[in-house]
Each structure stands twice: as structure tokens, then as C-alpha cells.
Amino acid sequence: MMNVENNQDCFVQLWRRLERTRRLLGGQYKRFCIRNVLKAWFGGEATDDMIWEVCHKALVDNEPQEGWNELPLPSLYPRKHRELLRAIVAVRLGISYYKVNLKALDSAYSIAFPNSTPINVNKKKRL
């Protein structure tokens, strides 16, 4: 069972574990999707209700994600994974999706994948 918290240290572990899980599932010839990630991380706690809740909170372009759809590489396409991790933290802690610390989540990505472009979807533009 994983311990999930709403802080940067936990987010770094989650980003790294996501990449390890992708490799593990690939080695087992299993699909790298939300359902299999949750089952690998939480075992029997990953019920259909939990998976449904995570999928419907993990919004990308205001669309919920599908549990069986293949996920892209976390290091190359971080947006879906960012929303997935955000939804997992919200569901596991029983907090609002909007109370997840996005600055810590984005900076944790830069720590876990140091050679990738930093992400900050909510960055404000200056005129």
C-alpha cells in the first residue's frame, strides 16, 4: 500500500514510480493505462469505484480519461500524467481536486525528470 501526501517529496516519488510502473507493465506485456497503474500501486484497494473516480477527476481538456486507454510516456507527455497524479492524490486523501498543490506537483516533475522541459500549465502570461 502506498502512502500519498499533498507535498513535493511525495510528488517526486509518484512521478518516479509512474515511470517505473510503465517499465514494469511493459516488461509484463500489459497495457500502461490508468486501471493497471492503480492496480499495481494499490492492489485490492483499487476497486472499480476508485478507478472510476480517478478517471473522472483526471480531466484533460475538460474530458475525463478512460481507464483502459494507453498512456503516453510520462517524460515526453506530462500533461495527462499530471492530471492523473492530481486525481490520485485527491481521491486517496479525500480532498478536493483543486486543493492539490500544483506548484509542488510541477516542481516535482522537474526533479524526477531533470532533462525534460518544466511543466506549468497554469502559468500567467505578462503583457
C-alpha atoms as a PDB file:
ATOM      1  CA  MET A   1       0.000   0.000   0.000  1.00  0.00           C
ATOM      2  CA  MET A   2       1.259   3.465  -0.879  1.00  0.00           C
ATOM      3  CA  ASN A   3       1.282   6.462   1.417  1.00  0.00           C
ATOM      4  CA  VAL A   4       0.065   9.508  -0.522  1.00  0.00           C
ATOM      5  CA  GLU A   5       0.531  13.079   0.717  1.00  0.00           C
ATOM      6  CA  ASN A   6      -0.021  16.533  -0.737  1.00  0.00           C
ATOM      7  CA  ASN A   7       3.630  17.669  -0.759  1.00  0.00           C
ATOM      8  CA  GLN A   8       6.609  17.863  -3.094  1.00  0.00           C
ATOM      9  CA  ASP A   9       8.518  14.879  -1.655  1.00  0.00           C
ATOM     10  CA  CYS A  10       5.545  12.596  -2.237  1.00  0.00           C
ATOM     11  CA  PHE A  11       5.001  14.005  -5.729  1.00  0.00           C
ATOM     12  CA  VAL A  12       8.644  13.284  -6.697  1.00  0.00           C
ATOM     13  CA  GLN A  13       8.145   9.680  -5.571  1.00  0.00           C
ATOM     14  CA  LEU A  14       4.880   9.451  -7.522  1.00  0.00           C
ATOM     15  CA  TRP A  15       6.470  10.759 -10.752  1.00  0.00           C
ATOM     16  CA  ARG A  16       9.368   8.300 -10.407  1.00  0.00           C
ATOM     17  CA  ARG A  17       7.055   5.433  -9.517  1.00  0.00           C
ATOM     18  CA  LEU A  18       4.934   6.226 -12.573  1.00  0.00           C
ATOM     19  CA  GLU A  19       7.948   5.732 -14.840  1.00  0.00           C
ATOM     20  CA  ARG A  20       8.962   2.519 -13.023  1.00  0.00           C
ATOM     21  CA  THR A  21       5.399   1.217 -13.345  1.00  0.00           C
ATOM     22  CA  ARG A  22       5.417   1.979 -17.073  1.00  0.00           C
ATOM     23  CA  ARG A  23       8.562  -0.120 -17.477  1.00  0.00           C
ATOM     24  CA  LEU A  24       7.212  -2.909 -15.261  1.00  0.00           C
ATOM     25  CA  LEU A  25       3.931  -3.150 -17.161  1.00  0.00           C
ATOM     26  CA  GLY A  26       5.796  -3.071 -20.475  1.00  0.00           C
ATOM     27  CA  GLY A  27       8.009  -5.932 -19.284  1.00  0.00           C
ATOM     28  CA  GLN A  28       4.888  -7.920 -18.418  1.00  0.00           C
ATOM     29  CA  TYR A  29       3.303  -7.113 -21.810  1.00  0.00           C
ATOM     30  CA  LYS A  30       0.498  -5.250 -20.070  1.00  0.00           C
ATOM     31  CA  ARG A  31      -1.089  -2.004 -21.166  1.00  0.00           C
ATOM     32  CA  PHE A  32       0.191   1.169 -19.453  1.00  0.00           C
ATOM     33  CA  CYS A  33      -3.216   2.613 -18.536  1.00  0.00           C
ATOM     34  CA  ILE A  34      -4.875   4.196 -15.501  1.00  0.00           C
ATOM     35  CA  ARG A  35      -6.552   0.953 -14.457  1.00  0.00           C
ATOM     36  CA  ASN A  36      -3.326  -1.079 -14.471  1.00  0.00           C
ATOM     37  CA  VAL A  37      -1.345   1.703 -12.755  1.00  0.00           C
ATOM     38  CA  LEU A  38      -3.874   1.901  -9.912  1.00  0.00           C
ATOM     39  CA  LYS A  39      -3.996  -1.903  -9.579  1.00  0.00           C
ATOM     40  CA  ALA A  40      -0.175  -2.054  -9.457  1.00  0.00           C
ATOM     41  CA  TRP A  41       0.041   0.723  -6.847  1.00  0.00           C
ATOM     42  CA  PHE A  42      -2.913  -0.056  -4.605  1.00  0.00           C
ATOM     43  CA  GLY A  43      -3.676  -3.735  -5.233  1.00  0.00           C
ATOM     44  CA  GLY A  44      -7.080  -4.732  -3.878  1.00  0.00           C
ATOM     45  CA  GLU A  45      -7.854  -1.172  -2.801  1.00  0.00           C
ATOM     46  CA  ALA A  46      -8.114  -0.190  -6.478  1.00  0.00           C
ATOM     47  CA  THR A  47     -11.790  -1.041  -6.809  1.00  0.00           C
ATOM     48  CA  ASP A  48     -13.869  -0.180  -9.856  1.00  0.00           C
ATOM     49  CA  ASP A  49     -15.355   2.742  -7.907  1.00  0.00           C
ATOM     50  CA  MET A  50     -11.908   4.150  -7.091  1.00  0.00           C
ATOM     51  CA  ILE A  51     -10.747   3.719 -10.688  1.00  0.00           C
ATOM     52  CA  TRP A  52     -13.899   5.422 -11.986  1.00  0.00           C
ATOM     53  CA  GLU A  53     -13.455   8.323  -9.563  1.00  0.00           C
ATOM     54  CA  VAL A  54      -9.801   8.827 -10.523  1.00  0.00           C
ATOM     55  CA  CYS A  55     -10.645   8.673 -14.251  1.00  0.00           C
ATOM     56  CA  HIS A  56     -13.393  11.258 -13.903  1.00  0.00           C
ATOM     57  CA  LYS A  57     -11.233  13.618 -11.854  1.00  0.00           C
ATOM     58  CA  ALA A  58      -8.240  13.309 -14.195  1.00  0.00           C
ATOM     59  CA  LEU A  59      -9.534  15.847 -16.691  1.00  0.00           C
ATOM     60  CA  VAL A  60      -7.547  16.650 -19.807  1.00  0.00           C
ATOM     61  CA  ASP A  61      -9.116  19.383 -21.928  1.00  0.00           C
ATOM     62  CA  ASN A  62     -12.245  19.093 -19.739  1.00  0.00           C
ATOM     63  CA  GLU A  63     -12.690  15.443 -20.752  1.00  0.00           C
ATOM     64  CA  PRO A  64     -12.404  12.557 -18.276  1.00  0.00           C
ATOM     65  CA  GLN A  65      -9.832   9.916 -19.155  1.00  0.00           C
ATOM     66  CA  GLU A  66     -10.720   6.324 -19.958  1.00  0.00           C
ATOM     67  CA  GLY A  67      -9.389   3.617 -17.664  1.00  0.00           C
ATOM     68  CA  TRP A  68      -8.171   1.304 -20.431  1.00  0.00           C
ATOM     69  CA  ASN A  69      -6.689   3.896 -22.806  1.00  0.00           C
ATOM     70  CA  GLU A  70      -2.932   3.614 -23.271  1.00  0.00           C
ATOM     71  CA  LEU A  71      -0.998   6.423 -21.565  1.00  0.00           C
ATOM     72  CA  PRO A  72       1.941   8.120 -23.324  1.00  0.00           C
ATOM     73  CA  LEU A  73       5.442   8.375 -21.851  1.00  0.00           C
ATOM     74  CA  PRO A  74       5.422  10.481 -18.648  1.00  0.00           C
ATOM     75  CA  SER A  75       8.678  12.219 -19.566  1.00  0.00           C
ATOM     76  CA  LEU A  76       7.502  13.264 -23.043  1.00  0.00           C
ATOM     77  CA  TYR A  77       3.794  13.961 -22.469  1.00  0.00           C
ATOM     78  CA  PRO A  78       3.434  15.010 -18.837  1.00  0.00           C
ATOM     79  CA  ARG A  79       0.033  16.716 -19.006  1.00  0.00           C
ATOM     80  CA  LYS A  80      -2.122  13.569 -18.760  1.00  0.00           C
ATOM     81  CA  HIS A  81       0.096  12.204 -16.022  1.00  0.00           C
ATOM     82  CA  ARG A  82      -0.009  15.459 -14.119  1.00  0.00           C
ATOM     83  CA  GLU A  83      -3.801  15.320 -14.047  1.00  0.00           C
ATOM     84  CA  LEU A  84      -3.709  11.606 -13.199  1.00  0.00           C
ATOM     85  CA  LEU A  85      -1.420  12.159 -10.198  1.00  0.00           C
ATOM     86  CA  ARG A  86      -3.533  15.115  -9.134  1.00  0.00           C
ATOM     87  CA  ALA A  87      -6.660  12.941  -9.231  1.00  0.00           C
ATOM     88  CA  ILE A  88      -4.974  10.075  -7.347  1.00  0.00           C
ATOM     89  CA  VAL A  89      -3.896  12.415  -4.544  1.00  0.00           C
ATOM     90  CA  ALA A  90      -7.362  13.964  -4.335  1.00  0.00           C
ATOM     91  CA  VAL A  91      -9.114  10.578  -4.193  1.00  0.00           C
ATOM     92  CA  ARG A  92      -6.683   8.985  -1.728  1.00  0.00           C
ATOM     93  CA  LEU A  93      -6.703  11.958   0.654  1.00  0.00           C
ATOM     94  CA  GLY A  94     -10.402  12.681   0.238  1.00  0.00           C
ATOM     95  CA  ILE A  95      -9.735  16.310  -0.643  1.00  0.00           C
ATOM     96  CA  SER A  96     -10.973  18.494  -3.462  1.00  0.00           C
ATOM     97  CA  TYR A  97      -9.233  18.134  -6.815  1.00  0.00           C
ATOM     98  CA  TYR A  98      -8.477  21.865  -6.628  1.00  0.00           C
ATOM     99  CA  LYS A  99      -6.702  21.634  -3.251  1.00  0.00           C
ATOM    100  CA  VAL A 100      -3.827  19.568  -4.632  1.00  0.00           C
ATOM    101  CA  ASN A 101      -0.614  21.622  -4.542  1.00  0.00           C
ATOM    102  CA  LEU A 102       0.085  22.179  -8.256  1.00  0.00           C
ATOM    103  CA  LYS A 103       3.288  24.178  -7.752  1.00  0.00           C
ATOM    104  CA  ALA A 104       4.764  21.277  -5.790  1.00  0.00           C
ATOM    105  CA  LEU A 105       3.483  18.766  -8.370  1.00  0.00           C
ATOM    106  CA  ASP A 106       5.048  20.712 -11.259  1.00  0.00           C
ATOM    107  CA  SER A 107       8.378  21.261  -9.496  1.00  0.00           C
ATOM    108  CA  ALA A 108       8.454  17.558  -8.547  1.00  0.00           C
ATOM    109  CA  TYR A 109       8.223  16.722 -12.261  1.00  0.00           C
ATOM    110  CA  SER A 110      11.355  18.800 -12.902  1.00  0.00           C
ATOM    111  CA  ILE A 111      13.157  16.913 -10.123  1.00  0.00           C
ATOM    112  CA  ALA A 112      12.029  13.462 -11.317  1.00  0.00           C
ATOM    113  CA  PHE A 113      12.777  14.237 -14.993  1.00  0.00           C
ATOM    114  CA  PRO A 114      15.633  16.791 -14.861  1.00  0.00           C
ATOM    115  CA  ASN A 115      16.330  16.813 -18.626  1.00  0.00           C
ATOM    116  CA  SER A 116      12.707  17.453 -19.608  1.00  0.00           C
ATOM    117  CA  THR A 117      11.024  20.776 -20.203  1.00  0.00           C
ATOM    118  CA  PRO A 118       9.420  22.015 -16.962  1.00  0.00           C
ATOM    119  CA  ILE A 119       5.638  21.992 -16.876  1.00  0.00           C
ATOM    120  CA  ASN A 120       3.440  24.774 -15.638  1.00  0.00           C
ATOM    121  CA  VAL A 121       0.043  24.706 -17.279  1.00  0.00           C
ATOM    122  CA  ASN A 122      -1.385  27.491 -15.121  1.00  0.00           C
ATOM    123  CA  LYS A 123       1.395  29.970 -15.847  1.00  0.00           C
ATOM    124  CA  LYS A 124       0.148  33.520 -16.219  1.00  0.00           C
ATOM    125  CA  LYS A 125       1.351  35.491 -19.222  1.00  0.00           C
ATOM    126  CA  ARG A 126       2.647  39.011 -18.855  1.00  0.00           C
ATOM    127  CA  LEU A 127       1.593  41.633 -21.323  1.00  0.00           C
END
